[in-house]
Amino acid sequence: QVQLVESGGGLVQAGGSLRLSCTVSGSIFSITVMGWYRQAPGKQRELVANIGSGTSTHYADFVKGRFTIFRDNAKTTVYLQMNSLKPEDTAVYYCNAARRVSPYELWGQGTQVTVSS
């Protein structure tokens, strides 16, 4: 059974940095796109960034220039480097993976990121 295991959340002051990690436990063979979403209290879950099976990346406008998504050479771990953090970045961050086979979508357990002003 394929699972996504996240780590790296925490509390940081505004302007600080954090790096989130998402490791695929199990086969990566059928995974196409991996990404990070976030959900703040009372708000809908939104896409932060994703990365394709090659090197293509996509970022939400609100993180462009501040966050970077990348993966290790084995493609088993995806990272989200978050710089210049703002209080409005406070949310639970979820790792997501799209697959060619069922289950077609996987989610991590979520990791809390809190940015204090």
N, C-alpha and C. Protein backbone atom coordinates (compact mmCIF):
# COMPACT_ATOMS: atom_id res chain seq x y z
N GLN A 1 0.85 -1.20 0.00
CA GLN A 1 0.00 0.00 0.00
C GLN A 1 0.88 1.24 0.00
N VAL A 2 0.63 2.15 -0.93
CA VAL A 2 1.42 3.37 -1.05
C VAL A 2 0.88 4.42 -0.09
N GLN A 3 1.79 5.05 0.64
CA GLN A 3 1.41 6.11 1.56
C GLN A 3 2.35 7.30 1.40
N LEU A 4 1.87 8.46 1.81
CA LEU A 4 2.67 9.68 1.79
C LEU A 4 2.93 10.08 3.24
N VAL A 5 4.19 10.26 3.58
CA VAL A 5 4.57 10.60 4.95
C VAL A 5 5.22 11.97 4.94
N GLU A 6 4.62 12.89 5.67
CA GLU A 6 5.08 14.28 5.69
C GLU A 6 5.85 14.58 6.96
N SER A 7 6.71 15.59 6.85
CA SER A 7 7.43 16.10 8.02
C SER A 7 7.90 17.51 7.72
N GLY A 8 8.28 18.23 8.78
CA GLY A 8 8.91 19.52 8.59
C GLY A 8 8.12 20.73 8.99
N GLY A 9 6.89 20.57 9.41
CA GLY A 9 6.11 21.73 9.82
C GLY A 9 6.61 22.27 11.15
N GLY A 10 6.02 23.38 11.57
CA GLY A 10 6.41 23.95 12.86
C GLY A 10 6.01 25.40 12.97
N LEU A 11 6.59 26.05 13.98
CA LEU A 11 6.32 27.46 14.26
C LEU A 11 7.54 28.28 13.86
N VAL A 12 7.30 29.36 13.14
CA VAL A 12 8.39 30.21 12.69
C VAL A 12 7.91 31.66 12.68
N GLN A 13 8.84 32.57 12.86
CA GLN A 13 8.48 33.98 12.80
C GLN A 13 8.35 34.45 11.36
N ALA A 14 7.60 35.50 11.16
CA ALA A 14 7.46 36.07 9.82
C ALA A 14 8.83 36.41 9.26
N GLY A 15 9.02 36.08 7.98
CA GLY A 15 10.30 36.28 7.34
C GLY A 15 11.21 35.08 7.40
N GLY A 16 10.85 34.11 8.20
CA GLY A 16 11.64 32.91 8.36
C GLY A 16 11.39 31.88 7.27
N SER A 17 12.03 30.72 7.46
CA SER A 17 11.96 29.65 6.46
C SER A 17 11.65 28.31 7.11
N LEU A 18 11.01 27.46 6.35
CA LEU A 18 10.77 26.07 6.73
C LEU A 18 10.89 25.22 5.47
N ARG A 19 11.24 23.96 5.67
CA ARG A 19 11.25 23.01 4.56
C ARG A 19 10.37 21.82 4.94
N LEU A 20 9.39 21.55 4.09
CA LEU A 20 8.51 20.39 4.26
C LEU A 20 9.01 19.25 3.39
N SER A 21 8.84 18.04 3.89
CA SER A 21 9.22 16.84 3.14
C SER A 21 8.04 15.90 3.02
N CYS A 22 7.95 15.23 1.89
CA CYS A 22 6.91 14.23 1.67
C CYS A 22 7.57 13.02 1.03
N THR A 23 7.60 11.92 1.76
CA THR A 23 8.24 10.70 1.28
C THR A 23 7.20 9.67 0.90
N VAL A 24 7.39 9.07 -0.27
CA VAL A 24 6.48 8.03 -0.73
C VAL A 24 6.91 6.70 -0.12
N SER A 25 5.99 6.11 0.64
CA SER A 25 6.24 4.79 1.22
C SER A 25 5.57 3.77 0.33
N GLY A 26 6.37 3.01 -0.42
CA GLY A 26 5.84 2.07 -1.38
C GLY A 26 6.29 2.42 -2.78
N SER A 27 5.62 1.86 -3.78
CA SER A 27 6.03 2.04 -5.16
C SER A 27 5.71 3.44 -5.68
N ILE A 28 6.67 4.03 -6.39
CA ILE A 28 6.45 5.33 -7.02
C ILE A 28 6.10 5.17 -8.49
N PHE A 29 6.02 3.93 -8.97
CA PHE A 29 5.91 3.65 -10.40
C PHE A 29 4.75 4.36 -11.06
N SER A 30 3.59 4.38 -10.43
CA SER A 30 2.39 4.90 -11.07
C SER A 30 2.12 6.37 -10.74
N ILE A 31 3.00 7.00 -9.99
CA ILE A 31 2.77 8.40 -9.60
C ILE A 31 3.15 9.33 -10.74
N THR A 32 2.28 10.29 -11.05
CA THR A 32 2.54 11.24 -12.12
C THR A 32 2.91 12.60 -11.57
N VAL A 33 2.03 13.21 -10.85
CA VAL A 33 2.27 14.55 -10.31
C VAL A 33 2.21 14.50 -8.79
N MET A 34 3.12 15.21 -8.16
CA MET A 34 3.07 15.37 -6.70
C MET A 34 3.01 16.85 -6.37
N GLY A 35 2.32 17.14 -5.30
CA GLY A 35 2.18 18.55 -4.96
C GLY A 35 1.88 18.78 -3.49
N TRP A 36 1.82 20.05 -3.16
CA TRP A 36 1.48 20.49 -1.81
C TRP A 36 0.24 21.37 -1.87
N TYR A 37 -0.67 21.09 -0.98
CA TYR A 37 -1.86 21.91 -0.79
C TYR A 37 -1.83 22.44 0.65
N ARG A 38 -2.67 23.43 0.89
CA ARG A 38 -2.79 23.90 2.26
C ARG A 38 -4.23 24.27 2.56
N GLN A 39 -4.55 24.22 3.84
CA GLN A 39 -5.90 24.58 4.28
C GLN A 39 -5.81 25.35 5.58
N ALA A 40 -6.25 26.58 5.53
CA ALA A 40 -6.29 27.43 6.72
C ALA A 40 -7.67 27.29 7.37
N PRO A 41 -7.78 27.58 8.66
CA PRO A 41 -9.07 27.45 9.34
C PRO A 41 -10.16 28.25 8.64
N GLY A 42 -11.28 27.59 8.37
CA GLY A 42 -12.42 28.26 7.75
C GLY A 42 -12.29 28.49 6.26
N LYS A 43 -11.21 27.99 5.67
CA LYS A 43 -11.00 28.18 4.24
C LYS A 43 -10.92 26.84 3.52
N GLN A 44 -11.08 26.90 2.20
CA GLN A 44 -10.99 25.69 1.40
C GLN A 44 -9.52 25.31 1.19
N ARG A 45 -9.31 24.04 0.93
CA ARG A 45 -7.97 23.57 0.62
C ARG A 45 -7.57 24.13 -0.75
N GLU A 46 -6.32 24.61 -0.84
CA GLU A 46 -5.87 25.22 -2.08
C GLU A 46 -4.50 24.68 -2.48
N LEU A 47 -4.26 24.67 -3.79
CA LEU A 47 -2.98 24.21 -4.30
C LEU A 47 -1.91 25.25 -4.02
N VAL A 48 -0.76 24.77 -3.54
CA VAL A 48 0.39 25.64 -3.32
C VAL A 48 1.38 25.49 -4.47
N ALA A 49 1.77 24.26 -4.76
CA ALA A 49 2.73 24.00 -5.84
C ALA A 49 2.67 22.52 -6.20
N ASN A 50 3.02 22.20 -7.44
CA ASN A 50 3.17 20.81 -7.80
C ASN A 50 4.32 20.62 -8.78
N ILE A 51 4.71 19.36 -8.93
CA ILE A 51 5.83 19.02 -9.79
C ILE A 51 5.47 17.75 -10.56
N GLY A 52 5.73 17.76 -11.86
CA GLY A 52 5.42 16.63 -12.70
C GLY A 52 6.48 15.55 -12.62
N SER A 53 6.28 14.50 -13.42
CA SER A 53 7.21 13.38 -13.39
C SER A 53 8.58 13.77 -13.94
N GLY A 54 8.62 14.84 -14.74
CA GLY A 54 9.90 15.37 -15.20
C GLY A 54 10.37 16.45 -14.25
N THR A 55 10.50 17.64 -14.77
CA THR A 55 10.93 18.75 -13.91
C THR A 55 9.96 19.92 -13.95
N SER A 56 8.83 19.73 -14.60
CA SER A 56 7.86 20.84 -14.70
C SER A 56 7.26 21.14 -13.34
N THR A 57 7.15 22.41 -13.05
CA THR A 57 6.58 22.85 -11.78
C THR A 57 5.51 23.90 -12.01
N HIS A 58 4.64 24.01 -11.03
CA HIS A 58 3.57 25.02 -11.08
C HIS A 58 3.41 25.57 -9.69
N TYR A 59 3.26 26.90 -9.60
CA TYR A 59 3.11 27.56 -8.30
C TYR A 59 1.86 28.44 -8.29
N ALA A 60 1.22 28.47 -7.14
CA ALA A 60 0.14 29.43 -6.95
C ALA A 60 0.75 30.83 -6.90
N ASP A 61 0.03 31.81 -7.37
CA ASP A 61 0.55 33.17 -7.44
C ASP A 61 1.01 33.67 -6.07
N PHE A 62 0.33 33.25 -5.02
CA PHE A 62 0.63 33.80 -3.70
C PHE A 62 1.94 33.27 -3.10
N VAL A 63 2.58 32.29 -3.77
CA VAL A 63 3.87 31.78 -3.26
C VAL A 63 5.01 31.96 -4.27
N LYS A 64 4.71 32.45 -5.44
CA LYS A 64 5.75 32.61 -6.45
C LYS A 64 6.87 33.52 -5.94
N GLY A 65 8.09 33.04 -6.13
CA GLY A 65 9.24 33.81 -5.68
C GLY A 65 9.62 33.54 -4.23
N ARG A 66 8.77 32.85 -3.49
CA ARG A 66 9.06 32.57 -2.08
C ARG A 66 9.22 31.08 -1.80
N PHE A 67 8.41 30.25 -2.46
CA PHE A 67 8.44 28.81 -2.24
C PHE A 67 9.05 28.11 -3.45
N THR A 68 9.71 26.98 -3.19
CA THR A 68 10.27 26.16 -4.25
C THR A 68 9.94 24.71 -3.99
N ILE A 69 9.42 24.04 -5.01
CA ILE A 69 9.15 22.61 -4.90
C ILE A 69 10.21 21.86 -5.70
N PHE A 70 10.73 20.77 -5.13
CA PHE A 70 11.73 19.98 -5.83
C PHE A 70 11.70 18.57 -5.24
N ARG A 71 12.39 17.66 -5.95
CA ARG A 71 12.38 16.26 -5.49
C ARG A 71 13.79 15.72 -5.51
N ASP A 72 14.00 14.61 -4.82
CA ASP A 72 15.32 13.99 -4.83
C ASP A 72 15.47 13.17 -6.11
N ASN A 73 16.68 12.73 -6.40
CA ASN A 73 16.95 12.03 -7.66
C ASN A 73 16.16 10.73 -7.78
N ALA A 74 15.92 10.07 -6.67
CA ALA A 74 15.17 8.81 -6.71
C ALA A 74 13.68 9.03 -6.86
N LYS A 75 13.27 10.31 -6.76
CA LYS A 75 11.85 10.70 -6.89
C LYS A 75 10.99 10.09 -5.81
N THR A 76 11.59 9.76 -4.67
CA THR A 76 10.79 9.21 -3.59
C THR A 76 10.38 10.28 -2.58
N THR A 77 11.04 11.44 -2.63
CA THR A 77 10.74 12.50 -1.68
C THR A 77 10.58 13.82 -2.43
N VAL A 78 9.53 14.52 -2.09
CA VAL A 78 9.28 15.85 -2.63
C VAL A 78 9.38 16.86 -1.49
N TYR A 79 10.03 17.95 -1.77
CA TYR A 79 10.25 18.98 -0.76
C TYR A 79 9.53 20.27 -1.14
N LEU A 80 9.18 21.02 -0.12
CA LEU A 80 8.68 22.37 -0.34
C LEU A 80 9.51 23.30 0.54
N GLN A 81 10.38 24.05 -0.10
CA GLN A 81 11.19 25.04 0.61
C GLN A 81 10.40 26.33 0.67
N MET A 82 10.13 26.79 1.88
CA MET A 82 9.31 27.98 2.07
C MET A 82 10.16 29.08 2.71
N ASN A 83 10.36 30.15 1.97
CA ASN A 83 11.13 31.29 2.45
C ASN A 83 10.23 32.51 2.57
N SER A 84 10.71 33.50 3.28
CA SER A 84 9.96 34.76 3.46
C SER A 84 8.53 34.48 3.89
N LEU A 85 8.38 33.65 4.87
CA LEU A 85 7.04 33.24 5.30
C LEU A 85 6.27 34.41 5.90
N LYS A 86 4.97 34.39 5.67
CA LYS A 86 4.07 35.43 6.14
C LYS A 86 3.02 34.80 7.08
N PRO A 87 2.45 35.60 7.97
CA PRO A 87 1.39 35.04 8.83
C PRO A 87 0.26 34.39 8.04
N GLU A 88 -0.04 34.92 6.86
CA GLU A 88 -1.12 34.35 6.06
C GLU A 88 -0.75 33.01 5.45
N ASP A 89 0.49 32.57 5.59
CA ASP A 89 0.88 31.23 5.16
C ASP A 89 0.53 30.17 6.20
N THR A 90 0.06 30.60 7.35
CA THR A 90 -0.33 29.67 8.40
C THR A 90 -1.46 28.77 7.93
N ALA A 91 -1.25 27.45 8.01
CA ALA A 91 -2.22 26.48 7.52
C ALA A 91 -1.69 25.08 7.82
N VAL A 92 -2.56 24.11 7.59
CA VAL A 92 -2.11 22.72 7.54
C VAL A 92 -1.74 22.43 6.09
N TYR A 93 -0.53 21.94 5.91
CA TYR A 93 -0.03 21.64 4.57
C TYR A 93 -0.12 20.14 4.31
N TYR A 94 -0.68 19.80 3.16
CA TYR A 94 -0.91 18.40 2.80
C TYR A 94 -0.13 18.06 1.53
N CYS A 95 0.52 16.90 1.56
CA CYS A 95 1.15 16.37 0.36
C CYS A 95 0.12 15.59 -0.44
N ASN A 96 0.23 15.66 -1.75
CA ASN A 96 -0.73 15.00 -2.64
C ASN A 96 0.02 14.32 -3.77
N ALA A 97 -0.48 13.17 -4.19
CA ALA A 97 0.10 12.47 -5.33
C ALA A 97 -1.01 11.98 -6.24
N ALA A 98 -0.86 12.21 -7.53
CA ALA A 98 -1.79 11.71 -8.54
C ALA A 98 -1.18 10.46 -9.15
N ARG A 99 -2.03 9.45 -9.37
CA ARG A 99 -1.53 8.18 -9.88
C ARG A 99 -2.30 7.73 -11.11
N ARG A 100 -1.69 6.85 -11.89
CA ARG A 100 -2.34 6.30 -13.09
C ARG A 100 -3.28 5.16 -12.73
N VAL A 101 -3.15 4.61 -11.54
CA VAL A 101 -3.97 3.47 -11.13
C VAL A 101 -4.68 3.80 -9.82
N SER A 102 -5.71 3.04 -9.52
CA SER A 102 -6.46 3.24 -8.30
C SER A 102 -5.66 2.83 -7.08
N PRO A 103 -5.70 3.58 -6.02
CA PRO A 103 -6.39 4.87 -5.87
C PRO A 103 -5.68 5.97 -6.66
N TYR A 104 -6.47 6.77 -7.38
CA TYR A 104 -5.92 7.74 -8.31
C TYR A 104 -5.35 8.97 -7.63
N GLU A 105 -5.63 9.11 -6.35
CA GLU A 105 -5.13 10.26 -5.61
C GLU A 105 -4.80 9.84 -4.18
N LEU A 106 -3.66 10.30 -3.69
CA LEU A 106 -3.23 10.02 -2.33
C LEU A 106 -3.00 11.33 -1.59
N TRP A 107 -3.25 11.30 -0.28
CA TRP A 107 -3.00 12.47 0.56
C TRP A 107 -2.17 12.07 1.77
N GLY A 108 -1.30 12.97 2.18
CA GLY A 108 -0.58 12.78 3.42
C GLY A 108 -1.46 13.17 4.60
N GLN A 109 -0.92 13.01 5.79
CA GLN A 109 -1.71 13.26 7.01
C GLN A 109 -1.80 14.74 7.34
N GLY A 110 -0.97 15.54 6.73
CA GLY A 110 -0.98 16.98 6.98
C GLY A 110 0.04 17.37 8.03
N THR A 111 0.63 18.53 7.86
CA THR A 111 1.59 19.06 8.83
C THR A 111 1.30 20.54 9.06
N GLN A 112 1.28 20.94 10.32
CA GLN A 112 0.91 22.30 10.66
C GLN A 112 2.09 23.25 10.47
N VAL A 113 1.83 24.35 9.78
CA VAL A 113 2.79 25.44 9.65
C VAL A 113 2.16 26.68 10.27
N THR A 114 2.83 27.26 11.24
CA THR A 114 2.33 28.46 11.90
C THR A 114 3.39 29.55 11.81
N VAL A 115 2.98 30.70 11.27
CA VAL A 115 3.89 31.83 11.10
C VAL A 115 3.41 32.96 12.00
N SER A 116 4.24 33.33 12.95
CA SER A 116 3.86 34.39 13.88
C SER A 116 4.33 35.75 13.37
N SER A 117 3.56 36.77 13.70
CA SER A 117 3.91 38.13 13.24
C SER A 117 4.84 38.84 14.21
